[in-house]
Protein backbone atom coordinates (compact mmCIF):
# COMPACT_ATOMS: atom_id res chain seq x y z
CA LEU A 1 21.41 23.39 -31.45
CA LEU A 2 19.11 23.53 -28.51
CA VAL A 3 19.08 26.19 -25.77
CA ILE A 4 17.31 25.79 -22.57
CA VAL A 5 15.56 28.98 -21.34
CA ALA A 6 13.81 29.74 -17.91
CA ASN A 7 11.71 32.75 -19.13
CA GLU A 8 10.64 34.93 -22.00
CA ARG A 9 13.73 37.08 -21.77
CA GLY A 10 16.06 34.01 -22.35
CA ALA A 11 13.69 33.06 -25.28
CA GLU A 12 13.96 36.34 -26.87
CA ALA A 13 17.68 36.22 -26.66
CA ALA A 14 17.92 32.62 -27.91
CA VAL A 15 15.78 33.17 -31.08
CA GLN A 16 18.37 35.81 -32.15
CA GLN A 17 20.92 33.19 -32.67
CA PRO A 18 20.69 31.92 -36.20
CA HIS A 19 22.24 28.54 -35.36
CA VAL A 20 19.65 27.85 -32.54
CA ASP A 21 16.95 25.46 -33.70
CA GLN A 22 15.07 24.56 -30.61
CA LEU A 23 14.11 26.35 -27.41
CA GLY A 24 13.77 24.12 -24.40
CA TYR A 25 11.72 25.16 -21.33
CA PRO A 26 11.85 23.17 -18.02
CA PHE A 27 8.25 22.63 -16.86
CA SER A 28 8.33 20.99 -13.50
CA ILE A 29 5.55 18.74 -12.13
CA SER A 30 7.10 19.45 -8.64
CA PRO A 31 5.58 22.72 -7.44
CA THR A 32 8.38 23.26 -5.07
CA PHE A 33 11.12 22.90 -7.73
CA GLN A 34 9.15 25.06 -10.23
CA GLN A 35 9.11 27.82 -7.73
CA ARG A 36 12.75 27.25 -6.80
CA ASN A 37 14.08 26.90 -10.46
CA THR A 38 12.09 29.56 -12.29
CA ASN A 39 10.54 31.71 -9.56
CA THR A 40 6.92 30.89 -10.30
CA ASP A 41 4.27 28.45 -9.34
CA ILE A 42 2.94 25.73 -11.88
CA ALA A 43 0.07 28.03 -13.00
CA GLY A 44 2.54 30.75 -13.79
CA SER A 45 4.89 28.35 -15.57
CA TRP A 46 2.00 27.28 -17.80
CA GLU A 47 1.40 31.01 -18.81
CA ARG A 48 5.08 31.33 -19.44
CA THR A 49 4.98 28.23 -21.57
CA GLN A 50 2.35 29.74 -23.67
CA ARG A 51 4.34 32.99 -24.17
CA ILE A 52 7.62 30.99 -24.92
CA ALA A 53 5.80 28.82 -27.48
CA ASP A 54 4.61 32.03 -29.15
CA ILE A 55 8.16 33.42 -29.31
CA ALA A 56 9.43 30.28 -30.83
CA ALA A 57 6.60 30.03 -33.42
CA ARG A 58 7.12 33.49 -34.57
CA ASN A 59 10.90 33.00 -35.08
CA GLY A 60 10.66 29.55 -36.74
CA LYS A 61 12.10 27.80 -33.81
CA GLU A 62 10.80 24.37 -32.28
CA LEU A 63 9.86 24.38 -28.64
CA VAL A 64 11.03 21.47 -26.61
CA LEU A 65 9.17 20.90 -23.44
CA TYR A 66 10.87 19.27 -20.42
CA ILE A 67 8.88 17.57 -17.78
CA SER A 68 11.24 18.34 -14.93
CA MET A 69 11.35 16.07 -11.88
CA ALA A 70 9.53 13.47 -13.87
CA PHE A 71 11.23 10.51 -12.02
CA GLY A 72 10.94 11.91 -8.39
CA ASN A 73 11.76 14.79 -6.33
CA PRO A 74 13.43 15.42 -2.90
CA TYR A 75 10.48 17.49 -1.55
CA GLY A 76 7.87 15.01 -1.03
CA ASP A 77 5.69 16.50 -3.83
CA PRO A 78 3.28 14.12 -5.59
CA ARG A 79 4.72 12.32 -8.63
CA ASN A 80 3.40 9.60 -10.91
CA LYS A 81 3.34 8.85 -14.62
CA ASP A 82 -0.45 10.07 -14.80
CA ILE A 83 0.75 13.54 -13.93
CA ALA A 84 3.37 13.45 -16.64
CA ILE A 85 0.86 12.17 -19.25
CA GLU A 86 -1.75 14.87 -18.25
CA TRP A 87 0.68 17.68 -18.86
CA ALA A 88 2.10 16.04 -22.02
CA GLU A 89 -1.34 15.79 -23.59
CA ARG A 90 -2.03 19.54 -22.71
CA PHE A 91 1.28 20.46 -24.31
CA VAL A 92 0.45 18.61 -27.48
CA LYS A 93 -3.19 19.53 -27.66
CA GLU A 94 -2.99 23.24 -26.65
CA LEU A 95 0.39 24.30 -27.90
CA ASP A 96 1.10 21.72 -30.63
CA VAL A 97 4.32 20.79 -28.95
CA ARG A 98 5.97 17.84 -30.87
CA THR A 99 8.97 17.18 -28.71
CA ILE A 100 8.76 16.40 -24.95
CA ALA A 101 11.59 14.98 -22.85
CA LEU A 102 11.48 13.59 -19.40
CA ALA A 103 14.11 15.05 -17.13
CA ASP A 104 15.82 13.30 -14.34
CA THR A 105 16.54 16.77 -12.84
CA VAL A 106 18.45 15.92 -9.63
CA GLY A 107 19.75 12.56 -10.73
CA VAL A 108 17.59 10.48 -8.48
CA ALA A 109 16.18 8.05 -11.11
CA ARG A 110 16.81 4.24 -10.93
CA PRO A 111 17.08 2.41 -14.12
CA GLU A 112 13.92 0.62 -13.42
CA ASP A 113 11.98 3.97 -12.88
CA ILE A 114 13.39 5.09 -16.32
CA GLU A 115 12.28 1.96 -18.20
CA TYR A 116 8.86 1.91 -16.49
CA LEU A 117 7.96 5.57 -17.24
CA LEU A 118 9.38 5.67 -20.72
CA SER A 119 7.76 2.34 -21.65
CA ALA A 120 4.44 3.92 -20.77
CA LEU A 121 5.02 7.06 -22.78
CA ILE A 122 7.15 6.13 -25.76
CA PRO A 123 7.30 7.11 -28.49
CA ALA A 124 6.27 10.70 -27.89
CA PHE A 125 8.97 11.24 -25.25
CA GLY A 126 12.75 11.70 -25.14
CA ALA A 127 15.01 11.59 -22.14
CA HIS A 128 17.12 14.18 -20.38
CA LEU A 129 19.13 12.37 -17.92
CA HIS A 130 21.41 13.64 -15.26
CA VAL A 131 23.92 11.01 -14.35
CA ALA A 132 27.19 10.18 -12.35
CA PRO A 133 30.14 8.37 -13.58
CA ASP A 134 28.96 5.06 -11.92
CA ASN A 135 25.36 5.07 -13.27
CA TRP A 136 25.27 6.80 -16.67
CA ILE A 137 25.36 3.38 -18.56
CA ALA A 138 22.64 1.87 -16.45
CA LYS A 139 20.44 4.78 -16.93
CA SER A 140 20.96 5.28 -20.59
CA ASP A 141 20.63 1.57 -21.19
CA ALA A 142 17.37 1.48 -19.44
CA ALA A 143 15.92 4.46 -21.52
CA TRP A 144 17.26 2.88 -24.67
CA ASN A 145 15.74 -0.59 -23.83
CA ALA A 146 12.43 1.02 -23.06
CA GLY A 147 12.29 2.35 -26.62
CA CYS A 148 13.65 5.90 -26.07
CA ARG A 149 15.54 7.20 -29.29
CA ARG A 150 15.82 10.89 -28.49
CA PHE A 151 18.43 11.79 -25.98
CA ASP A 152 19.87 15.00 -24.73
CA GLY A 153 23.57 15.26 -24.26
CA ALA A 154 26.27 17.67 -23.39
CA LEU A 155 30.00 17.46 -24.49
CA ARG A 156 31.94 16.09 -21.65
CA GLY A 157 28.78 16.00 -19.55
CA TYR A 158 28.91 19.78 -18.91
CA GLY A 159 26.08 21.20 -16.85
CA GLY A 160 23.47 19.46 -14.84
CA CYS A 161 21.47 20.98 -11.91
CA PRO A 162 22.95 22.67 -8.97
CA MET A 163 20.16 21.55 -6.86
CA ALA A 164 21.28 17.95 -7.17
CA GLU A 165 23.82 18.66 -4.44
CA ASP A 166 26.31 16.22 -5.90
CA GLU A 167 29.09 17.71 -7.80
CA LEU A 168 29.52 14.28 -9.68
CA VAL A 169 25.97 14.61 -11.21
CA GLY A 170 26.10 16.18 -14.64
CA ASN A 171 24.33 15.87 -18.07
CA LEU A 172 24.76 12.69 -20.14
CA ALA A 173 28.20 12.91 -21.97
CA THR A 174 27.48 13.01 -25.56
CA GLU A 175 30.64 11.37 -26.55
CA LEU A 176 30.40 8.61 -24.13
CA PHE A 177 26.91 7.84 -25.15
CA VAL A 178 27.65 7.98 -28.74
CA GLN A 179 30.72 5.72 -28.18
CA ARG A 180 28.61 3.04 -26.37
CA LEU A 181 26.02 3.03 -29.16
CA THR A 182 28.74 2.78 -31.89
CA GLU A 183 30.37 -0.13 -30.00
CA GLN A 184 26.94 -1.95 -30.05
CA GLY A 185 26.76 -1.44 -33.93
CA ILE A 186 24.04 1.32 -33.59
CA HIS A 187 24.40 4.07 -36.27
CA THR A 188 23.86 7.56 -34.88
CA GLY A 189 24.30 9.57 -37.99
CA LEU A 190 26.95 11.79 -36.39
CA ASP A 191 30.36 12.61 -37.91
CA LEU A 192 32.62 10.80 -35.23
CA GLN A 193 35.75 12.82 -36.20
CA ARG A 194 33.98 16.19 -35.92
CA LEU A 195 32.59 15.04 -32.62
CA GLU A 196 36.09 14.14 -31.47
CA ARG A 197 37.38 17.58 -32.39
CA SER A 198 34.47 19.18 -30.60
CA VAL A 199 35.27 17.28 -27.42
CA ALA A 200 38.85 18.44 -27.58
CA GLU A 201 37.67 22.02 -28.14
CA ALA A 202 35.21 21.71 -25.19
CA ALA A 203 38.07 20.63 -22.90
CA ILE A 204 39.60 24.08 -23.57
CA VAL A 205 36.35 26.09 -23.23
CA PHE A 206 35.30 24.39 -19.91
CA PRO A 207 38.13 22.32 -18.50
């Protein structure tokens, strides 16, 4: 299980949960969004990342770094693959981070953007896609076709980003994505019966 945290307090709470294996931290390459999302600038976020990495290491958890706003932002902040690569290299070299995911934070990525950026960065990267009912197939297919093999998902697509300002935009639904892979003959390694039961239980927890 992975828990996304926005600060050290969240990290300290998450590591107390024995079933949590990974801590995720959203590091935005959009200065505006970093301030709005975690109440700090990029320099402050880098310092926070270092402290969360230490918390994770001391408690035997893996740190997953999300490059937030990787595919664009609505604020006019600079964005290109070189910025993503620069930060990724720093995460790996200075913090020994082994898992990095590109996040389509507000759901603005086009399939061609996803394929272009992931093609340049695979195999080190995964994808954290925020999608709508009419584009999740195109977006996930683009990432898969670019070589991505690590995807974040949420049961029934629960969650997302409130700043997307679109109530239809949520996380990639695990059950739909797994079903699509299964129909294509791709083995996911998941117990499909247990997944089905989990989806049914999720419908009760967050209808």
